[in-house]
Amino acid sequence: LTDEALKYLEKNQDNSNDDEKRIAKVLINKLIGDKAILKRGQEDLVFEIIDIAYC
């Protein structure tokens, strides 16, 4: 899911700078990484968070 989320981020945020992408990557990893906050089935929240962060 991390790669999927990053592809989504890159596709929808071509004008974002590298720091924003790096921060988003860290947040995504925290949300769905090894010690994930989110459980399976909550992946949509990642995309909602990305949308909120970049609107």
PDB file of N, CA and C in Angstrom:
ATOM      1  N   LEU A   1       0.824  -1.216   0.000  1.00  0.00           N
ATOM      2  CA  LEU A   1       0.000   0.000   0.000  1.00  0.00           C
ATOM      3  C   LEU A   1       0.858   1.265   0.000  1.00  0.00           C
ATOM      4  N   THR A   2       2.051   1.202   0.576  1.00  0.00           N
ATOM      5  CA  THR A   2       2.893   2.395   0.601  1.00  0.00           C
ATOM      6  C   THR A   2       3.204   2.863  -0.815  1.00  0.00           C
ATOM      7  N   ASP A   3       3.630   1.943  -1.682  1.00  0.00           N
ATOM      8  CA  ASP A   3       3.935   2.302  -3.066  1.00  0.00           C
ATOM      9  C   ASP A   3       2.705   2.868  -3.760  1.00  0.00           C
ATOM     10  N   GLU A   4       1.563   2.233  -3.500  1.00  0.00           N
ATOM     11  CA  GLU A   4       0.297   2.686  -4.100  1.00  0.00           C
ATOM     12  C   GLU A   4      -0.013   4.117  -3.659  1.00  0.00           C
ATOM     13  N   ALA A   5       0.151   4.375  -2.382  1.00  0.00           N
ATOM     14  CA  ALA A   5      -0.125   5.708  -1.853  1.00  0.00           C
ATOM     15  C   ALA A   5       0.849   6.736  -2.419  1.00  0.00           C
ATOM     16  N   LEU A   6       2.115   6.343  -2.556  1.00  0.00           N
ATOM     17  CA  LEU A   6       3.104   7.276  -3.107  1.00  0.00           C
ATOM     18  C   LEU A   6       2.839   7.560  -4.576  1.00  0.00           C
ATOM     19  N   LYS A   7       2.408   6.544  -5.323  1.00  0.00           N
ATOM     20  CA  LYS A   7       2.053   6.765  -6.731  1.00  0.00           C
ATOM     21  C   LYS A   7       0.891   7.741  -6.821  1.00  0.00           C
ATOM     22  N   TYR A   8      -0.096   7.543  -5.944  1.00  0.00           N
ATOM     23  CA  TYR A   8      -1.240   8.455  -5.892  1.00  0.00           C
ATOM     24  C   TYR A   8      -0.761   9.870  -5.611  1.00  0.00           C
ATOM     25  N   LEU A   9       0.124   9.995  -4.649  1.00  0.00           N
ATOM     26  CA  LEU A   9       0.643  11.302  -4.259  1.00  0.00           C
ATOM     27  C   LEU A   9       1.365  11.951  -5.432  1.00  0.00           C
ATOM     28  N   GLU A  10       2.237  11.194  -6.092  1.00  0.00           N
ATOM     29  CA  GLU A  10       2.997  11.747  -7.207  1.00  0.00           C
ATOM     30  C   GLU A  10       2.081  12.120  -8.366  1.00  0.00           C
ATOM     31  N   LYS A  11       1.100  11.271  -8.644  1.00  0.00           N
ATOM     32  CA  LYS A  11       0.188  11.527  -9.764  1.00  0.00           C
ATOM     33  C   LYS A  11      -0.626  12.797  -9.523  1.00  0.00           C
ATOM     34  N   ASN A  12      -1.062  12.985  -8.286  1.00  0.00           N
ATOM     35  CA  ASN A  12      -1.972  14.080  -7.991  1.00  0.00           C
ATOM     36  C   ASN A  12      -1.282  15.338  -7.479  1.00  0.00           C
ATOM     37  N   GLN A  13       0.002  15.252  -7.206  1.00  0.00           N
ATOM     38  CA  GLN A  13       0.708  16.402  -6.636  1.00  0.00           C
ATOM     39  C   GLN A  13       2.004  16.666  -7.378  1.00  0.00           C
ATOM     40  N   ASP A  14       1.931  16.742  -8.699  1.00  0.00           N
ATOM     41  CA  ASP A  14       3.133  16.972  -9.502  1.00  0.00           C
ATOM     42  C   ASP A  14       3.801  18.293  -9.165  1.00  0.00           C
ATOM     43  N   ASN A  15       3.030  19.254  -8.667  1.00  0.00           N
ATOM     44  CA  ASN A  15       3.595  20.565  -8.375  1.00  0.00           C
ATOM     45  C   ASN A  15       4.105  20.691  -6.943  1.00  0.00           C
ATOM     46  N   SER A  16       4.005  19.633  -6.161  1.00  0.00           N
ATOM     47  CA  SER A  16       4.470  19.701  -4.776  1.00  0.00           C
ATOM     48  C   SER A  16       5.995  19.610  -4.754  1.00  0.00           C
ATOM     49  N   ASN A  17       6.586  20.158  -3.716  1.00  0.00           N
ATOM     50  CA  ASN A  17       8.051  20.108  -3.660  1.00  0.00           C
ATOM     51  C   ASN A  17       8.516  18.829  -2.957  1.00  0.00           C
ATOM     52  N   ASP A  18       9.812  18.601  -2.990  1.00  0.00           N
ATOM     53  CA  ASP A  18      10.356  17.353  -2.453  1.00  0.00           C
ATOM     54  C   ASP A  18      10.132  17.223  -0.953  1.00  0.00           C
ATOM     55  N   ASP A  19      10.194  18.345  -0.232  1.00  0.00           N
ATOM     56  CA  ASP A  19       9.970  18.275   1.213  1.00  0.00           C
ATOM     57  C   ASP A  19       8.570  17.772   1.510  1.00  0.00           C
ATOM     58  N   GLU A  20       7.584  18.257   0.773  1.00  0.00           N
ATOM     59  CA  GLU A  20       6.208  17.814   0.987  1.00  0.00           C
ATOM     60  C   GLU A  20       6.088  16.326   0.724  1.00  0.00           C
ATOM     61  N   LYS A  21       6.726  15.866  -0.358  1.00  0.00           N
ATOM     62  CA  LYS A  21       6.658  14.437  -0.672  1.00  0.00           C
ATOM     63  C   LYS A  21       7.345  13.611   0.412  1.00  0.00           C
ATOM     64  N   ARG A  22       8.478  14.127   0.900  1.00  0.00           N
ATOM     65  CA  ARG A  22       9.218  13.406   1.938  1.00  0.00           C
ATOM     66  C   ARG A  22       8.377  13.308   3.216  1.00  0.00           C
ATOM     67  N   ILE A  23       7.763  14.426   3.586  1.00  0.00           N
ATOM     68  CA  ILE A  23       6.912  14.447   4.777  1.00  0.00           C
ATOM     69  C   ILE A  23       5.736  13.492   4.601  1.00  0.00           C
ATOM     70  N   ALA A  24       5.114  13.534   3.425  1.00  0.00           N
ATOM     71  CA  ALA A  24       3.984  12.652   3.164  1.00  0.00           C
ATOM     72  C   ALA A  24       4.418  11.193   3.246  1.00  0.00           C
ATOM     73  N   LYS A  25       5.601  10.892   2.723  1.00  0.00           N
ATOM     74  CA  LYS A  25       6.119   9.525   2.751  1.00  0.00           C
ATOM     75  C   LYS A  25       6.288   9.055   4.198  1.00  0.00           C
ATOM     76  N   VAL A  26       6.841   9.931   5.037  1.00  0.00           N
ATOM     77  CA  VAL A  26       7.032   9.603   6.449  1.00  0.00           C
ATOM     78  C   VAL A  26       5.681   9.344   7.115  1.00  0.00           C
ATOM     79  N   LEU A  27       4.704  10.224   6.832  1.00  0.00           N
ATOM     80  CA  LEU A  27       3.380  10.052   7.425  1.00  0.00           C
ATOM     81  C   LEU A  27       2.732   8.746   6.977  1.00  0.00           C
ATOM     82  N   ILE A  28       2.850   8.466   5.675  1.00  0.00           N
ATOM     83  CA  ILE A  28       2.271   7.233   5.150  1.00  0.00           C
ATOM     84  C   ILE A  28       2.920   6.031   5.820  1.00  0.00           C
ATOM     85  N   ASN A  29       4.237   6.051   5.947  1.00  0.00           N
ATOM     86  CA  ASN A  29       4.934   4.939   6.582  1.00  0.00           C
ATOM     87  C   ASN A  29       4.511   4.774   8.033  1.00  0.00           C
ATOM     88  N   LYS A  30       4.303   5.892   8.732  1.00  0.00           N
ATOM     89  CA  LYS A  30       3.852   5.802  10.124  1.00  0.00           C
ATOM     90  C   LYS A  30       2.444   5.205  10.203  1.00  0.00           C
ATOM     91  N   LEU A  31       1.599   5.572   9.232  1.00  0.00           N
ATOM     92  CA  LEU A  31       0.223   5.101   9.248  1.00  0.00           C
ATOM     93  C   LEU A  31       0.096   3.624   8.873  1.00  0.00           C
ATOM     94  N   ILE A  32       0.922   3.191   7.911  1.00  0.00           N
ATOM     95  CA  ILE A  32       0.719   1.832   7.399  1.00  0.00           C
ATOM     96  C   ILE A  32       1.991   0.995   7.414  1.00  0.00           C
ATOM     97  N   GLY A  33       2.979   1.434   8.168  1.00  0.00           N
ATOM     98  CA  GLY A  33       4.245   0.712   8.242  1.00  0.00           C
ATOM     99  C   GLY A  33       4.173  -0.473   9.196  1.00  0.00           C
ATOM    100  N   ASP A  34       5.362  -0.919   9.652  1.00  0.00           N
ATOM    101  CA  ASP A  34       5.467  -2.100  10.514  1.00  0.00           C
ATOM    102  C   ASP A  34       4.645  -1.949  11.791  1.00  0.00           C
ATOM    103  N   LYS A  35       4.707  -0.764  12.383  1.00  0.00           N
ATOM    104  CA  LYS A  35       3.958  -0.510  13.616  1.00  0.00           C
ATOM    105  C   LYS A  35       2.778   0.386  13.278  1.00  0.00           C
ATOM    106  N   ALA A  36       1.997  -0.075  12.349  1.00  0.00           N
ATOM    107  CA  ALA A  36       0.947   0.749  11.752  1.00  0.00           C
ATOM    108  C   ALA A  36      -0.097   1.191  12.763  1.00  0.00           C
ATOM    109  N   ILE A  37      -0.519   2.442  12.599  1.00  0.00           N
ATOM    110  CA  ILE A  37      -1.621   2.982  13.388  1.00  0.00           C
ATOM    111  C   ILE A  37      -2.938   2.450  12.815  1.00  0.00           C
ATOM    112  N   LEU A  38      -2.997   2.418  11.476  1.00  0.00           N
ATOM    113  CA  LEU A  38      -4.208   1.960  10.808  1.00  0.00           C
ATOM    114  C   LEU A  38      -4.228   0.442  10.694  1.00  0.00           C
ATOM    115  N   LYS A  39      -5.404  -0.105  10.711  1.00  0.00           N
ATOM    116  CA  LYS A  39      -5.575  -1.549  10.531  1.00  0.00           C
ATOM    117  C   LYS A  39      -6.008  -1.816   9.090  1.00  0.00           C
ATOM    118  N   ARG A  40      -5.969  -3.086   8.714  1.00  0.00           N
ATOM    119  CA  ARG A  40      -6.414  -3.444   7.368  1.00  0.00           C
ATOM    120  C   ARG A  40      -7.845  -2.960   7.154  1.00  0.00           C
ATOM    121  N   GLY A  41      -8.111  -2.483   5.946  1.00  0.00           N
ATOM    122  CA  GLY A  41      -9.439  -1.981   5.644  1.00  0.00           C
ATOM    123  C   GLY A  41      -9.577  -0.480   5.852  1.00  0.00           C
ATOM    124  N   GLN A  42      -8.566   0.123   6.461  1.00  0.00           N
ATOM    125  CA  GLN A  42      -8.613   1.567   6.706  1.00  0.00           C
ATOM    126  C   GLN A  42      -7.720   2.330   5.734  1.00  0.00           C
ATOM    127  N   GLU A  43      -7.295   1.663   4.665  1.00  0.00           N
ATOM    128  CA  GLU A  43      -6.363   2.285   3.722  1.00  0.00           C
ATOM    129  C   GLU A  43      -6.917   3.573   3.129  1.00  0.00           C
ATOM    130  N   ASP A  44      -8.225   3.651   2.959  1.00  0.00           N
ATOM    131  CA  ASP A  44      -8.826   4.860   2.382  1.00  0.00           C
ATOM    132  C   ASP A  44      -8.497   6.100   3.208  1.00  0.00           C
ATOM    133  N   LEU A  45      -8.292   5.916   4.511  1.00  0.00           N
ATOM    134  CA  LEU A  45      -7.947   7.056   5.358  1.00  0.00           C
ATOM    135  C   LEU A  45      -6.640   7.694   4.917  1.00  0.00           C
ATOM    136  N   VAL A  46      -5.706   6.870   4.435  1.00  0.00           N
ATOM    137  CA  VAL A  46      -4.429   7.415   3.964  1.00  0.00           C
ATOM    138  C   VAL A  46      -4.674   8.405   2.844  1.00  0.00           C
ATOM    139  N   PHE A  47      -5.540   8.029   1.899  1.00  0.00           N
ATOM    140  CA  PHE A  47      -5.812   8.904   0.769  1.00  0.00           C
ATOM    141  C   PHE A  47      -6.573  10.152   1.211  1.00  0.00           C
ATOM    142  N   GLU A  48      -7.469   9.986   2.183  1.00  0.00           N
ATOM    143  CA  GLU A  48      -8.186  11.151   2.707  1.00  0.00           C
ATOM    144  C   GLU A  48      -7.214  12.124   3.354  1.00  0.00           C
ATOM    145  N   ILE A  49      -6.255  11.578   4.099  1.00  0.00           N
ATOM    146  CA  ILE A  49      -5.260  12.420   4.762  1.00  0.00           C
ATOM    147  C   ILE A  49      -4.425  13.156   3.726  1.00  0.00           C
ATOM    148  N   ILE A  50      -4.022  12.450   2.669  1.00  0.00           N
ATOM    149  CA  ILE A  50      -3.251  13.087   1.599  1.00  0.00           C
ATOM    150  C   ILE A  50      -4.067  14.218   0.974  1.00  0.00           C
ATOM    151  N   ASP A  51      -5.342  13.942   0.703  1.00  0.00           N
ATOM    152  CA  ASP A  51      -6.202  14.971   0.105  1.00  0.00           C
ATOM    153  C   ASP A  51      -6.297  16.203   0.997  1.00  0.00           C
ATOM    154  N   ILE A  52      -6.486  15.969   2.299  1.00  0.00           N
ATOM    155  CA  ILE A  52      -6.597  17.084   3.240  1.00  0.00           C
ATOM    156  C   ILE A  52      -5.284  17.859   3.288  1.00  0.00           C
ATOM    157  N   ALA A  53      -4.181  17.143   3.309  1.00  0.00           N
ATOM    158  CA  ALA A  53      -2.872  17.782   3.445  1.00  0.00           C
ATOM    159  C   ALA A  53      -2.528  18.658   2.255  1.00  0.00           C
ATOM    160  N   TYR A  54      -3.061  18.329   1.079  1.00  0.00           N
ATOM    161  CA  TYR A  54      -2.666  19.060  -0.114  1.00  0.00           C
ATOM    162  C   TYR A  54      -3.750  19.955  -0.686  1.00  0.00           C
ATOM    163  N   CYS A  55      -4.832  20.152   0.061  1.00  0.00           N
ATOM    164  CA  CYS A  55      -5.897  21.028  -0.446  1.00  0.00           C
ATOM    165  C   CYS A  55      -5.773  22.429   0.144  1.00  0.00           C
TER     166      CYS A  55
END
